[in-house]
Amino acid sequence: MEETIYTLVREGDWREAERLGRYEGSADDRRDGFLHFSTAAQVRASAAKHRSGVADLLLVAADVRALGEALKFEPASGGKRPGLFPHLYGALPLSAVRSVTPLPLGADGVHVFPAGIP
């Protein structure tokens, strides 16, 4: 089982989360009823598909154990993407966050991920 999962957050949304003490999700998260996360193996493809070209993006890493039963691993909506994706049914408490890392855009327009993300 994964120990760390990742979500992609706009910097302004993250500043609001810091003020509140929890991240309540993007408009897409609120529409779908859960916060979208990815495993380390999934997060690059998620960024390319859902956040392509977003310049103010942060990679937020969360501790799976700290999320408890609100975290479910489920198929992607519509079942079009293989594998199970982590979905958090509730707000992300900042106490569960392991790190917050900027994801700058490279010269090719693709996000530059930190070492350790495949």
PDB file of N, CA and C in Angstrom:
ATOM      1  N   MET A   1       0.830  -1.184   0.000  1.00  0.00           N
ATOM      2  CA  MET A   1       0.000   0.000   0.000  1.00  0.00           C
ATOM      3  C   MET A   1       0.880   1.255   0.000  1.00  0.00           C
ATOM      4  N   GLU A   2       0.398   2.258  -0.635  1.00  0.00           N
ATOM      5  CA  GLU A   2       1.107   3.537  -0.701  1.00  0.00           C
ATOM      6  C   GLU A   2       1.224   4.155   0.697  1.00  0.00           C
ATOM      7  N   GLU A   3       2.338   4.812   0.964  1.00  0.00           N
ATOM      8  CA  GLU A   3       2.498   5.546   2.213  1.00  0.00           C
ATOM      9  C   GLU A   3       2.249   7.032   2.016  1.00  0.00           C
ATOM     10  N   THR A   4       2.532   7.503   0.799  1.00  0.00           N
ATOM     11  CA  THR A   4       2.370   8.919   0.467  1.00  0.00           C
ATOM     12  C   THR A   4       1.554   9.025  -0.804  1.00  0.00           C
ATOM     13  N   ILE A   5       0.610   9.967  -0.813  1.00  0.00           N
ATOM     14  CA  ILE A   5      -0.162  10.272  -2.019  1.00  0.00           C
ATOM     15  C   ILE A   5      -0.040  11.763  -2.285  1.00  0.00           C
ATOM     16  N   TYR A   6      -0.432  12.171  -3.494  1.00  0.00           N
ATOM     17  CA  TYR A   6      -0.190  13.533  -3.945  1.00  0.00           C
ATOM     18  C   TYR A   6      -1.443  14.172  -4.527  1.00  0.00           C
ATOM     19  N   THR A   7      -1.559  15.466  -4.288  1.00  0.00           N
ATOM     20  CA  THR A   7      -2.597  16.246  -4.944  1.00  0.00           C
ATOM     21  C   THR A   7      -1.946  17.487  -5.528  1.00  0.00           C
ATOM     22  N   LEU A   8      -2.536  18.003  -6.577  1.00  0.00           N
ATOM     23  CA  LEU A   8      -2.025  19.170  -7.291  1.00  0.00           C
ATOM     24  C   LEU A   8      -2.912  20.358  -6.949  1.00  0.00           C
ATOM     25  N   VAL A   9      -2.308  21.391  -6.389  1.00  0.00           N
ATOM     26  CA  VAL A   9      -3.070  22.511  -5.848  1.00  0.00           C
ATOM     27  C   VAL A   9      -2.513  23.829  -6.377  1.00  0.00           C
ATOM     28  N   ARG A  10      -3.393  24.722  -6.794  1.00  0.00           N
ATOM     29  CA  ARG A  10      -2.965  26.076  -7.180  1.00  0.00           C
ATOM     30  C   ARG A  10      -2.486  26.808  -5.927  1.00  0.00           C
ATOM     31  N   GLU A  11      -1.483  27.647  -6.102  1.00  0.00           N
ATOM     32  CA  GLU A  11      -0.872  28.320  -4.960  1.00  0.00           C
ATOM     33  C   GLU A  11      -1.885  29.142  -4.159  1.00  0.00           C
ATOM     34  N   GLY A  12      -2.763  29.881  -4.810  1.00  0.00           N
ATOM     35  CA  GLY A  12      -3.765  30.672  -4.099  1.00  0.00           C
ATOM     36  C   GLY A  12      -4.691  29.810  -3.258  1.00  0.00           C
ATOM     37  N   ASP A  13      -5.080  28.655  -3.791  1.00  0.00           N
ATOM     38  CA  ASP A  13      -5.931  27.731  -3.037  1.00  0.00           C
ATOM     39  C   ASP A  13      -5.185  27.189  -1.810  1.00  0.00           C
ATOM     40  N   TRP A  14      -3.878  26.964  -1.964  1.00  0.00           N
ATOM     41  CA  TRP A  14      -3.102  26.457  -0.846  1.00  0.00           C
ATOM     42  C   TRP A  14      -2.952  27.516   0.250  1.00  0.00           C
ATOM     43  N   ARG A  15      -2.775  28.761  -0.146  1.00  0.00           N
ATOM     44  CA  ARG A  15      -2.684  29.840   0.856  1.00  0.00           C
ATOM     45  C   ARG A  15      -3.978  29.908   1.670  1.00  0.00           C
ATOM     46  N   GLU A  16      -5.120  29.701   1.033  1.00  0.00           N
ATOM     47  CA  GLU A  16      -6.401  29.658   1.733  1.00  0.00           C
ATOM     48  C   GLU A  16      -6.446  28.457   2.681  1.00  0.00           C
ATOM     49  N   ALA A  17      -5.919  27.327   2.252  1.00  0.00           N
ATOM     50  CA  ALA A  17      -5.866  26.140   3.103  1.00  0.00           C
ATOM     51  C   ALA A  17      -5.017  26.414   4.342  1.00  0.00           C
ATOM     52  N   GLU A  18      -3.902  27.085   4.165  1.00  0.00           N
ATOM     53  CA  GLU A  18      -3.050  27.416   5.311  1.00  0.00           C
ATOM     54  C   GLU A  18      -3.802  28.309   6.294  1.00  0.00           C
ATOM     55  N   ARG A  19      -4.585  29.218   5.792  1.00  0.00           N
ATOM     56  CA  ARG A  19      -5.368  30.108   6.645  1.00  0.00           C
ATOM     57  C   ARG A  19      -6.429  29.320   7.424  1.00  0.00           C
ATOM     58  N   LEU A  20      -7.071  28.359   6.744  1.00  0.00           N
ATOM     59  CA  LEU A  20      -8.148  27.568   7.355  1.00  0.00           C
ATOM     60  C   LEU A  20      -7.648  26.411   8.221  1.00  0.00           C
ATOM     61  N   GLY A  21      -6.431  25.948   7.936  1.00  0.00           N
ATOM     62  CA  GLY A  21      -5.909  24.768   8.638  1.00  0.00           C
ATOM     63  C   GLY A  21      -6.291  23.461   7.969  1.00  0.00           C
ATOM     64  N   ARG A  22      -6.881  23.553   6.773  1.00  0.00           N
ATOM     65  CA  ARG A  22      -7.291  22.365   6.012  1.00  0.00           C
ATOM     66  C   ARG A  22      -7.485  22.772   4.555  1.00  0.00           C
ATOM     67  N   TYR A  23      -7.299  21.797   3.672  1.00  0.00           N
ATOM     68  CA  TYR A  23      -7.542  22.026   2.252  1.00  0.00           C
ATOM     69  C   TYR A  23      -8.880  21.396   1.901  1.00  0.00           C
ATOM     70  N   GLU A  24      -9.796  22.211   1.407  1.00  0.00           N
ATOM     71  CA  GLU A  24     -11.145  21.739   1.113  1.00  0.00           C
ATOM     72  C   GLU A  24     -11.348  21.372  -0.354  1.00  0.00           C
ATOM     73  N   GLY A  25     -10.308  21.518  -1.167  1.00  0.00           N
ATOM     74  CA  GLY A  25     -10.370  21.071  -2.548  1.00  0.00           C
ATOM     75  C   GLY A  25     -10.629  22.155  -3.558  1.00  0.00           C
ATOM     76  N   SER A  26     -10.418  21.779  -4.797  1.00  0.00           N
ATOM     77  CA  SER A  26     -10.664  22.666  -5.945  1.00  0.00           C
ATOM     78  C   SER A  26     -12.148  22.619  -6.301  1.00  0.00           C
ATOM     79  N   ALA A  27     -12.524  23.418  -7.268  1.00  0.00           N
ATOM     80  CA  ALA A  27     -13.910  23.385  -7.760  1.00  0.00           C
ATOM     81  C   ALA A  27     -14.236  21.992  -8.297  1.00  0.00           C
ATOM     82  N   ASP A  28     -13.286  21.340  -8.962  1.00  0.00           N
ATOM     83  CA  ASP A  28     -13.506  19.978  -9.470  1.00  0.00           C
ATOM     84  C   ASP A  28     -13.715  18.997  -8.324  1.00  0.00           C
ATOM     85  N   ASP A  29     -12.920  19.140  -7.266  1.00  0.00           N
ATOM     86  CA  ASP A  29     -13.068  18.265  -6.108  1.00  0.00           C
ATOM     87  C   ASP A  29     -14.456  18.429  -5.497  1.00  0.00           C
ATOM     88  N   ARG A  30     -14.856  19.665  -5.307  1.00  0.00           N
ATOM     89  CA  ARG A  30     -16.163  19.918  -4.693  1.00  0.00           C
ATOM     90  C   ARG A  30     -17.294  19.387  -5.565  1.00  0.00           C
ATOM     91  N   ARG A  31     -17.162  19.519  -6.875  1.00  0.00           N
ATOM     92  CA  ARG A  31     -18.170  18.987  -7.802  1.00  0.00           C
ATOM     93  C   ARG A  31     -18.277  17.472  -7.695  1.00  0.00           C
ATOM     94  N   ASP A  32     -17.129  16.802  -7.574  1.00  0.00           N
ATOM     95  CA  ASP A  32     -17.103  15.338  -7.556  1.00  0.00           C
ATOM     96  C   ASP A  32     -17.373  14.743  -6.172  1.00  0.00           C
ATOM     97  N   GLY A  33     -17.294  15.561  -5.124  1.00  0.00           N
ATOM     98  CA  GLY A  33     -17.595  15.084  -3.781  1.00  0.00           C
ATOM     99  C   GLY A  33     -16.424  14.468  -3.039  1.00  0.00           C
ATOM    100  N   PHE A  34     -15.217  14.613  -3.570  1.00  0.00           N
ATOM    101  CA  PHE A  34     -14.009  14.104  -2.915  1.00  0.00           C
ATOM    102  C   PHE A  34     -12.800  14.838  -3.462  1.00  0.00           C
ATOM    103  N   LEU A  35     -11.701  14.801  -2.714  1.00  0.00           N
ATOM    104  CA  LEU A  35     -10.443  15.380  -3.169  1.00  0.00           C
ATOM    105  C   LEU A  35      -9.712  14.344  -4.005  1.00  0.00           C
ATOM    106  N   HIS A  36      -9.259  14.762  -5.180  1.00  0.00           N
ATOM    107  CA  HIS A  36      -8.524  13.882  -6.088  1.00  0.00           C
ATOM    108  C   HIS A  36      -7.051  13.824  -5.682  1.00  0.00           C
ATOM    109  N   PHE A  37      -6.566  12.632  -5.511  1.00  0.00           N
ATOM    110  CA  PHE A  37      -5.152  12.396  -5.237  1.00  0.00           C
ATOM    111  C   PHE A  37      -4.610  11.425  -6.278  1.00  0.00           C
ATOM    112  N   SER A  38      -3.290  11.301  -6.306  1.00  0.00           N
ATOM    113  CA  SER A  38      -2.606  10.345  -7.178  1.00  0.00           C
ATOM    114  C   SER A  38      -1.500   9.682  -6.386  1.00  0.00           C
ATOM    115  N   THR A  39      -1.131   8.494  -6.810  1.00  0.00           N
ATOM    116  CA  THR A  39       0.066   7.855  -6.275  1.00  0.00           C
ATOM    117  C   THR A  39       1.271   8.479  -6.973  1.00  0.00           C
ATOM    118  N   ALA A  40       2.459   8.156  -6.493  1.00  0.00           N
ATOM    119  CA  ALA A  40       3.675   8.665  -7.131  1.00  0.00           C
ATOM    120  C   ALA A  40       3.734   8.250  -8.607  1.00  0.00           C
ATOM    121  N   ALA A  41       3.283   7.033  -8.895  1.00  0.00           N
ATOM    122  CA  ALA A  41       3.314   6.530 -10.270  1.00  0.00           C
ATOM    123  C   ALA A  41       2.264   7.194 -11.169  1.00  0.00           C
ATOM    124  N   GLN A  42       1.241   7.813 -10.581  1.00  0.00           N
ATOM    125  CA  GLN A  42       0.142   8.402 -11.353  1.00  0.00           C
ATOM    126  C   GLN A  42       0.230   9.918 -11.501  1.00  0.00           C
ATOM    127  N   VAL A  43       0.977  10.594 -10.636  1.00  0.00           N
ATOM    128  CA  VAL A  43       0.846  12.043 -10.523  1.00  0.00           C
ATOM    129  C   VAL A  43       1.337  12.806 -11.758  1.00  0.00           C
ATOM    130  N   ARG A  44       2.355  12.340 -12.430  1.00  0.00           N
ATOM    131  CA  ARG A  44       2.808  13.039 -13.650  1.00  0.00           C
ATOM    132  C   ARG A  44       1.713  13.032 -14.720  1.00  0.00           C
ATOM    133  N   ALA A  45       1.092  11.887 -14.934  1.00  0.00           N
ATOM    134  CA  ALA A  45       0.019  11.790 -15.932  1.00  0.00           C
ATOM    135  C   ALA A  45      -1.175  12.645 -15.516  1.00  0.00           C
ATOM    136  N   SER A  46      -1.468  12.690 -14.222  1.00  0.00           N
ATOM    137  CA  SER A  46      -2.568  13.531 -13.738  1.00  0.00           C
ATOM    138  C   SER A  46      -2.282  15.003 -13.993  1.00  0.00           C
ATOM    139  N   ALA A  47      -1.049  15.420 -13.748  1.00  0.00           N
ATOM    140  CA  ALA A  47      -0.674  16.815 -14.007  1.00  0.00           C
ATOM    141  C   ALA A  47      -0.808  17.142 -15.494  1.00  0.00           C
ATOM    142  N   ALA A  48      -0.337  16.234 -16.342  1.00  0.00           N
ATOM    143  CA  ALA A  48      -0.406  16.471 -17.791  1.00  0.00           C
ATOM    144  C   ALA A  48      -1.845  16.529 -18.281  1.00  0.00           C
ATOM    145  N   LYS A  49      -2.705  15.691 -17.720  1.00  0.00           N
ATOM    146  CA  LYS A  49      -4.094  15.631 -18.179  1.00  0.00           C
ATOM    147  C   LYS A  49      -4.956  16.751 -17.604  1.00  0.00           C
ATOM    148  N   HIS A  50      -4.783  17.052 -16.311  1.00  0.00           N
ATOM    149  CA  HIS A  50      -5.711  17.954 -15.636  1.00  0.00           C
ATOM    150  C   HIS A  50      -5.146  19.332 -15.305  1.00  0.00           C
ATOM    151  N   ARG A  51      -3.829  19.502 -15.323  1.00  0.00           N
ATOM    152  CA  ARG A  51      -3.228  20.780 -14.929  1.00  0.00           C
ATOM    153  C   ARG A  51      -2.170  21.254 -15.923  1.00  0.00           C
ATOM    154  N   SER A  52      -2.266  20.814 -17.153  1.00  0.00           N
ATOM    155  CA  SER A  52      -1.296  21.184 -18.171  1.00  0.00           C
ATOM    156  C   SER A  52      -1.201  22.700 -18.304  1.00  0.00           C
ATOM    157  N   GLY A  53       0.024  23.215 -18.244  1.00  0.00           N
ATOM    158  CA  GLY A  53       0.270  24.634 -18.441  1.00  0.00           C
ATOM    159  C   GLY A  53      -0.027  25.518 -17.243  1.00  0.00           C
ATOM    160  N   VAL A  54      -0.476  24.963 -16.129  1.00  0.00           N
ATOM    161  CA  VAL A  54      -0.773  25.762 -14.940  1.00  0.00           C
ATOM    162  C   VAL A  54       0.554  26.150 -14.280  1.00  0.00           C
ATOM    163  N   ALA A  55       0.815  27.450 -14.212  1.00  0.00           N
ATOM    164  CA  ALA A  55       2.118  27.931 -13.757  1.00  0.00           C
ATOM    165  C   ALA A  55       2.246  27.998 -12.239  1.00  0.00           C
ATOM    166  N   ASP A  56       1.157  28.131 -11.511  1.00  0.00           N
ATOM    167  CA  ASP A  56       1.243  28.321 -10.057  1.00  0.00           C
ATOM    168  C   ASP A  56       0.880  27.053  -9.291  1.00  0.00           C
ATOM    169  N   LEU A  57       1.347  25.915  -9.779  1.00  0.00           N
ATOM    170  CA  LEU A  57       0.951  24.631  -9.232  1.00  0.00           C
ATOM    171  C   LEU A  57       1.899  24.166  -8.131  1.00  0.00           C
ATOM    172  N   LEU A  58       1.305  23.563  -7.098  1.00  0.00           N
ATOM    173  CA  LEU A  58       2.066  22.975  -5.998  1.00  0.00           C
ATOM    174  C   LEU A  58       1.767  21.481  -5.931  1.00  0.00           C
ATOM    175  N   LEU A  59       2.782  20.707  -5.606  1.00  0.00           N
ATOM    176  CA  LEU A  59       2.640  19.275  -5.369  1.00  0.00           C
ATOM    177  C   LEU A  59       2.555  19.076  -3.862  1.00  0.00           C
ATOM    178  N   VAL A  60       1.389  18.656  -3.393  1.00  0.00           N
ATOM    179  CA  VAL A  60       1.160  18.466  -1.961  1.00  0.00           C
ATOM    180  C   VAL A  60       1.190  16.970  -1.675  1.00  0.00           C
ATOM    181  N   ALA A  61       2.114  16.566  -0.813  1.00  0.00           N
ATOM    182  CA  ALA A  61       2.259  15.162  -0.423  1.00  0.00           C
ATOM    183  C   ALA A  61       1.579  14.949   0.919  1.00  0.00           C
ATOM    184  N   ALA A  62       0.776  13.884   1.012  1.00  0.00           N
ATOM    185  CA  ALA A  62       0.044  13.588   2.244  1.00  0.00           C
ATOM    186  C   ALA A  62       0.350  12.174   2.725  1.00  0.00           C
ATOM    187  N   ASP A  63       0.344  12.015   4.025  1.00  0.00           N
ATOM    188  CA  ASP A  63       0.584  10.731   4.683  1.00  0.00           C
ATOM    189  C   ASP A  63      -0.718   9.921   4.661  1.00  0.00           C
ATOM    190  N   VAL A  64      -0.706   8.785   3.992  1.00  0.00           N
ATOM    191  CA  VAL A  64      -1.890   7.939   3.856  1.00  0.00           C
ATOM    192  C   VAL A  64      -2.443   7.532   5.224  1.00  0.00           C
ATOM    193  N   ARG A  65      -1.574   7.152   6.142  1.00  0.00           N
ATOM    194  CA  ARG A  65      -2.032   6.683   7.463  1.00  0.00           C
ATOM    195  C   ARG A  65      -2.784   7.764   8.232  1.00  0.00           C
ATOM    196  N   ALA A  66      -2.440   9.020   8.007  1.00  0.00           N
ATOM    197  CA  ALA A  66      -3.081  10.120   8.735  1.00  0.00           C
ATOM    198  C   ALA A  66      -4.486  10.427   8.220  1.00  0.00           C
ATOM    199  N   LEU A  67      -4.857   9.849   7.086  1.00  0.00           N
ATOM    200  CA  LEU A  67      -6.145  10.181   6.470  1.00  0.00           C
ATOM    201  C   LEU A  67      -7.269   9.240   6.881  1.00  0.00           C
ATOM    202  N   GLY A  68      -6.924   8.084   7.405  1.00  0.00           N
ATOM    203  CA  GLY A  68      -7.923   7.175   7.947  1.00  0.00           C
ATOM    204  C   GLY A  68      -8.923   6.659   6.930  1.00  0.00           C
ATOM    205  N   GLU A  69     -10.117   6.381   7.413  1.00  0.00           N
ATOM    206  CA  GLU A  69     -11.158   5.746   6.598  1.00  0.00           C
ATOM    207  C   GLU A  69     -11.776   6.681   5.568  1.00  0.00           C
ATOM    208  N   ALA A  70     -11.480   7.976   5.637  1.00  0.00           N
ATOM    209  CA  ALA A  70     -12.003   8.921   4.641  1.00  0.00           C
ATOM    210  C   ALA A  70     -11.312   8.742   3.293  1.00  0.00           C
ATOM    211  N   LEU A  71     -10.183   8.024   3.269  1.00  0.00           N
ATOM    212  CA  LEU A  71      -9.436   7.781   2.040  1.00  0.00           C
ATOM    213  C   LEU A  71      -9.858   6.454   1.430  1.00  0.00           C
ATOM    214  N   LYS A  72     -10.245   6.489   0.161  1.00  0.00           N
ATOM    215  CA  LYS A  72     -10.640   5.286  -0.583  1.00  0.00           C
ATOM    216  C   LYS A  72      -9.828   5.217  -1.877  1.00  0.00           C
ATOM    217  N   PHE A  73      -9.399   4.016  -2.249  1.00  0.00           N
ATOM    218  CA  PHE A  73      -8.747   3.803  -3.539  1.00  0.00           C
ATOM    219  C   PHE A  73      -9.815   3.253  -4.478  1.00  0.00           C
ATOM    220  N   GLU A  74     -10.104   4.026  -5.537  1.00  0.00           N
ATOM    221  CA  GLU A  74     -11.226   3.711  -6.421  1.00  0.00           C
ATOM    222  C   GLU A  74     -10.836   3.903  -7.885  1.00  0.00           C
ATOM    223  N   PRO A  75     -11.589   3.292  -8.803  1.00  0.00           N
ATOM    224  CA  PRO A  75     -11.353   3.546 -10.221  1.00  0.00           C
ATOM    225  C   PRO A  75     -11.613   5.019 -10.544  1.00  0.00           C
ATOM    226  N   ALA A  76     -10.951   5.518 -11.564  1.00  0.00           N
ATOM    227  CA  ALA A  76     -11.203   6.887 -12.029  1.00  0.00           C
ATOM    228  C   ALA A  76     -12.632   6.985 -12.536  1.00  0.00           C
ATOM    229  N   SER A  77     -13.190   8.178 -12.450  1.00  0.00           N
ATOM    230  CA  SER A  77     -14.568   8.355 -12.927  1.00  0.00           C
ATOM    231  C   SER A  77     -14.656   7.941 -14.386  1.00  0.00           C
ATOM    232  N   GLY A  78     -15.677   7.203 -14.712  1.00  0.00           N
ATOM    233  CA  GLY A  78     -15.847   6.703 -16.071  1.00  0.00           C
ATOM    234  C   GLY A  78     -15.008   5.467 -16.357  1.00  0.00           C
ATOM    235  N   GLY A  79     -14.096   5.126 -15.447  1.00  0.00           N
ATOM    236  CA  GLY A  79     -13.280   3.933 -15.606  1.00  0.00           C
ATOM    237  C   GLY A  79     -12.357   3.962 -16.810  1.00  0.00           C
ATOM    238  N   LYS A  80     -12.035   5.164 -17.311  1.00  0.00           N
ATOM    239  CA  LYS A  80     -11.226   5.269 -18.537  1.00  0.00           C
ATOM    240  C   LYS A  80      -9.729   5.183 -18.270  1.00  0.00           C
ATOM    241  N   ARG A  81      -9.303   5.395 -17.023  1.00  0.00           N
ATOM    242  CA  ARG A  81      -7.881   5.325 -16.698  1.00  0.00           C
ATOM    243  C   ARG A  81      -7.642   4.083 -15.849  1.00  0.00           C
ATOM    244  N   PRO A  82      -6.618   3.311 -16.195  1.00  0.00           N
ATOM    245  CA  PRO A  82      -6.369   2.068 -15.457  1.00  0.00           C
ATOM    246  C   PRO A  82      -5.873   2.342 -14.033  1.00  0.00           C
ATOM    247  N   GLY A  83      -6.129   1.400 -13.167  1.00  0.00           N
ATOM    248  CA  GLY A  83      -5.643   1.486 -11.803  1.00  0.00           C
ATOM    249  C   GLY A  83      -6.644   2.146 -10.876  1.00  0.00           C
ATOM    250  N   LEU A  84      -6.302   2.125  -9.589  1.00  0.00           N
ATOM    251  CA  LEU A  84      -7.128   2.745  -8.566  1.00  0.00           C
ATOM    252  C   LEU A  84      -6.492   4.057  -8.142  1.00  0.00           C
ATOM    253  N   PHE A  85      -7.331   5.066  -7.938  1.00  0.00           N
ATOM    254  CA  PHE A  85      -6.865   6.387  -7.565  1.00  0.00           C
ATOM    255  C   PHE A  85      -7.314   6.706  -6.145  1.00  0.00           C
ATOM    256  N   PRO A  86      -6.468   7.381  -5.376  1.00  0.00           N
ATOM    257  CA  PRO A  86      -6.848   7.758  -4.023  1.00  0.00           C
ATOM    258  C   PRO A  86      -7.834   8.928  -4.044  1.00  0.00           C
ATOM    259  N   HIS A  87      -8.950   8.768  -3.361  1.00  0.00           N
ATOM    260  CA  HIS A  87      -9.971   9.807  -3.242  1.00  0.00           C
ATOM    261  C   HIS A  87     -10.207  10.049  -1.756  1.00  0.00           C
ATOM    262  N   LEU A  88     -10.137  11.307  -1.342  1.00  0.00           N
ATOM    263  CA  LEU A  88     -10.349  11.650   0.060  1.00  0.00           C
ATOM    264  C   LEU A  88     -11.729  12.273   0.219  1.00  0.00           C
ATOM    265  N   TYR A  89     -12.569  11.621   0.980  1.00  0.00           N
ATOM    266  CA  TYR A  89     -13.932  12.084   1.229  1.00  0.00           C
ATOM    267  C   TYR A  89     -13.944  12.948   2.484  1.00  0.00           C
ATOM    268  N   GLY A  90     -13.529  14.175   2.319  1.00  0.00           N
ATOM    269  CA  GLY A  90     -13.432  15.141   3.405  1.00  0.00           C
ATOM    270  C   GLY A  90     -12.266  16.060   3.138  1.00  0.00           C
ATOM    271  N   ALA A  91     -12.095  17.031   3.993  1.00  0.00           N
ATOM    272  CA  ALA A  91     -11.000  17.990   3.843  1.00  0.00           C
ATOM    273  C   ALA A  91      -9.667  17.330   4.207  1.00  0.00           C
ATOM    274  N   LEU A  92      -8.595  17.839   3.618  1.00  0.00           N
ATOM    275  CA  LEU A  92      -7.244  17.389   3.930  1.00  0.00           C
ATOM    276  C   LEU A  92      -6.724  18.212   5.104  1.00  0.00           C
ATOM    277  N   PRO A  93      -6.537  17.593   6.271  1.00  0.00           N
ATOM    278  CA  PRO A  93      -5.985  18.357   7.399  1.00  0.00           C
ATOM    279  C   PRO A  93      -4.506  18.654   7.151  1.00  0.00           C
ATOM    280  N   LEU A  94      -4.077  19.846   7.472  1.00  0.00           N
ATOM    281  CA  LEU A  94      -2.675  20.193   7.233  1.00  0.00           C
ATOM    282  C   LEU A  94      -1.729  19.316   8.049  1.00  0.00           C
ATOM    283  N   SER A  95      -2.227  18.741   9.140  1.00  0.00           N
ATOM    284  CA  SER A  95      -1.402  17.840   9.945  1.00  0.00           C
ATOM    285  C   SER A  95      -1.015  16.572   9.185  1.00  0.00           C
ATOM    286  N   ALA A  96      -1.735  16.228   8.110  1.00  0.00           N
ATOM    287  CA  ALA A  96      -1.432  15.039   7.307  1.00  0.00           C
ATOM    288  C   ALA A  96      -0.470  15.342   6.161  1.00  0.00           C
ATOM    289  N   VAL A  97      -0.133  16.604   5.965  1.00  0.00           N
ATOM    290  CA  VAL A  97       0.714  17.007   4.832  1.00  0.00           C
ATOM    291  C   VAL A  97       2.181  16.801   5.181  1.00  0.00           C
ATOM    292  N   ARG A  98       2.880  16.070   4.310  1.00  0.00           N
ATOM    293  CA  ARG A  98       4.311  15.808   4.495  1.00  0.00           C
ATOM    294  C   ARG A  98       5.173  16.890   3.858  1.00  0.00           C
ATOM    295  N   SER A  99       4.729  17.403   2.701  1.00  0.00           N
ATOM    296  CA  SER A  99       5.510  18.430   2.017  1.00  0.00           C
ATOM    297  C   SER A  99       4.643  19.164   1.004  1.00  0.00           C
ATOM    298  N   VAL A 100       5.089  20.362   0.676  1.00  0.00           N
ATOM    299  CA  VAL A 100       4.458  21.175  -0.367  1.00  0.00           C
ATOM    300  C   VAL A 100       5.600  21.679  -1.242  1.00  0.00           C
ATOM    301  N   THR A 101       5.580  21.291  -2.521  1.00  0.00           N
ATOM    302  CA  THR A 101       6.683  21.580  -3.426  1.00  0.00           C
ATOM    303  C   THR A 101       6.167  22.287  -4.669  1.00  0.00           C
ATOM    304  N   PRO A 102       6.758  23.439  -5.031  1.00  0.00           N
ATOM    305  CA  PRO A 102       6.362  24.090  -6.283  1.00  0.00           C
ATOM    306  C   PRO A 102       6.665  23.197  -7.484  1.00  0.00           C
ATOM    307  N   LEU A 103       5.779  23.249  -8.483  1.00  0.00           N
ATOM    308  CA  LEU A 103       5.978  22.515  -9.741  1.00  0.00           C
ATOM    309  C   LEU A 103       6.094  23.531 -10.872  1.00  0.00           C
ATOM    310  N   PRO A 104       7.284  24.056 -11.087  1.00  0.00           N
ATOM    311  CA  PRO A 104       7.449  25.037 -12.163  1.00  0.00           C
ATOM    312  C   PRO A 104       7.274  24.377 -13.526  1.00  0.00           C
ATOM    313  N   LEU A 105       6.992  25.203 -14.508  1.00  0.00           N
ATOM    314  CA  LEU A 105       6.925  24.718 -15.888  1.00  0.00           C
ATOM    315  C   LEU A 105       8.311  24.781 -16.504  1.00  0.00           C
ATOM    316  N   GLY A 106       8.700  23.714 -17.174  1.00  0.00           N
ATOM    317  CA  GLY A 106       9.968  23.706 -17.885  1.00  0.00           C
ATOM    318  C   GLY A 106       9.851  24.474 -19.191  1.00  0.00           C
ATOM    319  N   ALA A 107      10.943  24.605 -19.898  1.00  0.00           N
ATOM    320  CA  ALA A 107      10.959  25.308 -21.177  1.00  0.00           C
ATOM    321  C   ALA A 107       9.995  24.684 -22.182  1.00  0.00           C
ATOM    322  N   ASP A 108       9.716  23.399 -22.009  1.00  0.00           N
ATOM    323  CA  ASP A 108       8.804  22.686 -22.907  1.00  0.00           C
ATOM    324  C   ASP A 108       7.338  22.806 -22.473  1.00  0.00           C
ATOM    325  N   GLY A 109       7.090  23.545 -21.365  1.00  0.00           N
ATOM    326  CA  GLY A 109       5.723  23.730 -20.884  1.00  0.00           C
ATOM    327  C   GLY A 109       5.218  22.599 -20.008  1.00  0.00           C
ATOM    328  N   VAL A 110       6.069  21.628 -19.707  1.00  0.00           N
ATOM    329  CA  VAL A 110       5.702  20.481 -18.877  1.00  0.00           C
ATOM    330  C   VAL A 110       6.205  20.743 -17.450  1.00  0.00           C
ATOM    331  N   HIS A 111       5.408  20.345 -16.461  1.00  0.00           N
ATOM    332  CA  HIS A 111       5.819  20.558 -15.063  1.00  0.00           C
ATOM    333  C   HIS A 111       7.094  19.797 -14.732  1.00  0.00           C
ATOM    334  N   VAL A 112       7.947  20.445 -13.950  1.00  0.00           N
ATOM    335  CA  VAL A 112       9.211  19.851 -13.502  1.00  0.00           C
ATOM    336  C   VAL A 112       8.970  19.292 -12.105  1.00  0.00           C
ATOM    337  N   PHE A 113       9.044  17.967 -11.986  1.00  0.00           N
ATOM    338  CA  PHE A 113       8.795  17.281 -10.724  1.00  0.00           C
ATOM    339  C   PHE A 113      10.093  17.093  -9.946  1.00  0.00           C
ATOM    340  N   PRO A 114       9.993  17.003  -8.622  1.00  0.00           N
ATOM    341  CA  PRO A 114      11.189  16.756  -7.817  1.00  0.00           C
ATOM    342  C   PRO A 114      11.694  15.320  -8.005  1.00  0.00           C
ATOM    343  N   ALA A 115      12.929  15.105  -7.638  1.00  0.00           N
ATOM    344  CA  ALA A 115      13.506  13.749  -7.674  1.00  0.00           C
ATOM    345  C   ALA A 115      12.654  12.838  -6.800  1.00  0.00           C
ATOM    346  N   GLY A 116      12.534  11.593  -7.212  1.00  0.00           N
ATOM    347  CA  GLY A 116      11.779  10.625  -6.447  1.00  0.00           C
ATOM    348  C   GLY A 116      10.371  10.398  -6.972  1.00  0.00           C
ATOM    349  N   ILE A 117       9.922  11.241  -7.872  1.00  0.00           N
ATOM    350  CA  ILE A 117       8.628  11.041  -8.511  1.00  0.00           C
ATOM    351  C   ILE A 117       8.908  10.431  -9.872  1.00  0.00           C
ATOM    352  N   PRO A 118       8.456   9.174 -10.082  1.00  0.00           N
ATOM    353  CA  PRO A 118       8.799   8.484 -11.348  1.00  0.00           C
ATOM    354  C   PRO A 118       8.241   9.170 -12.578  1.00  0.00           C
TER     355      PRO A 118
END
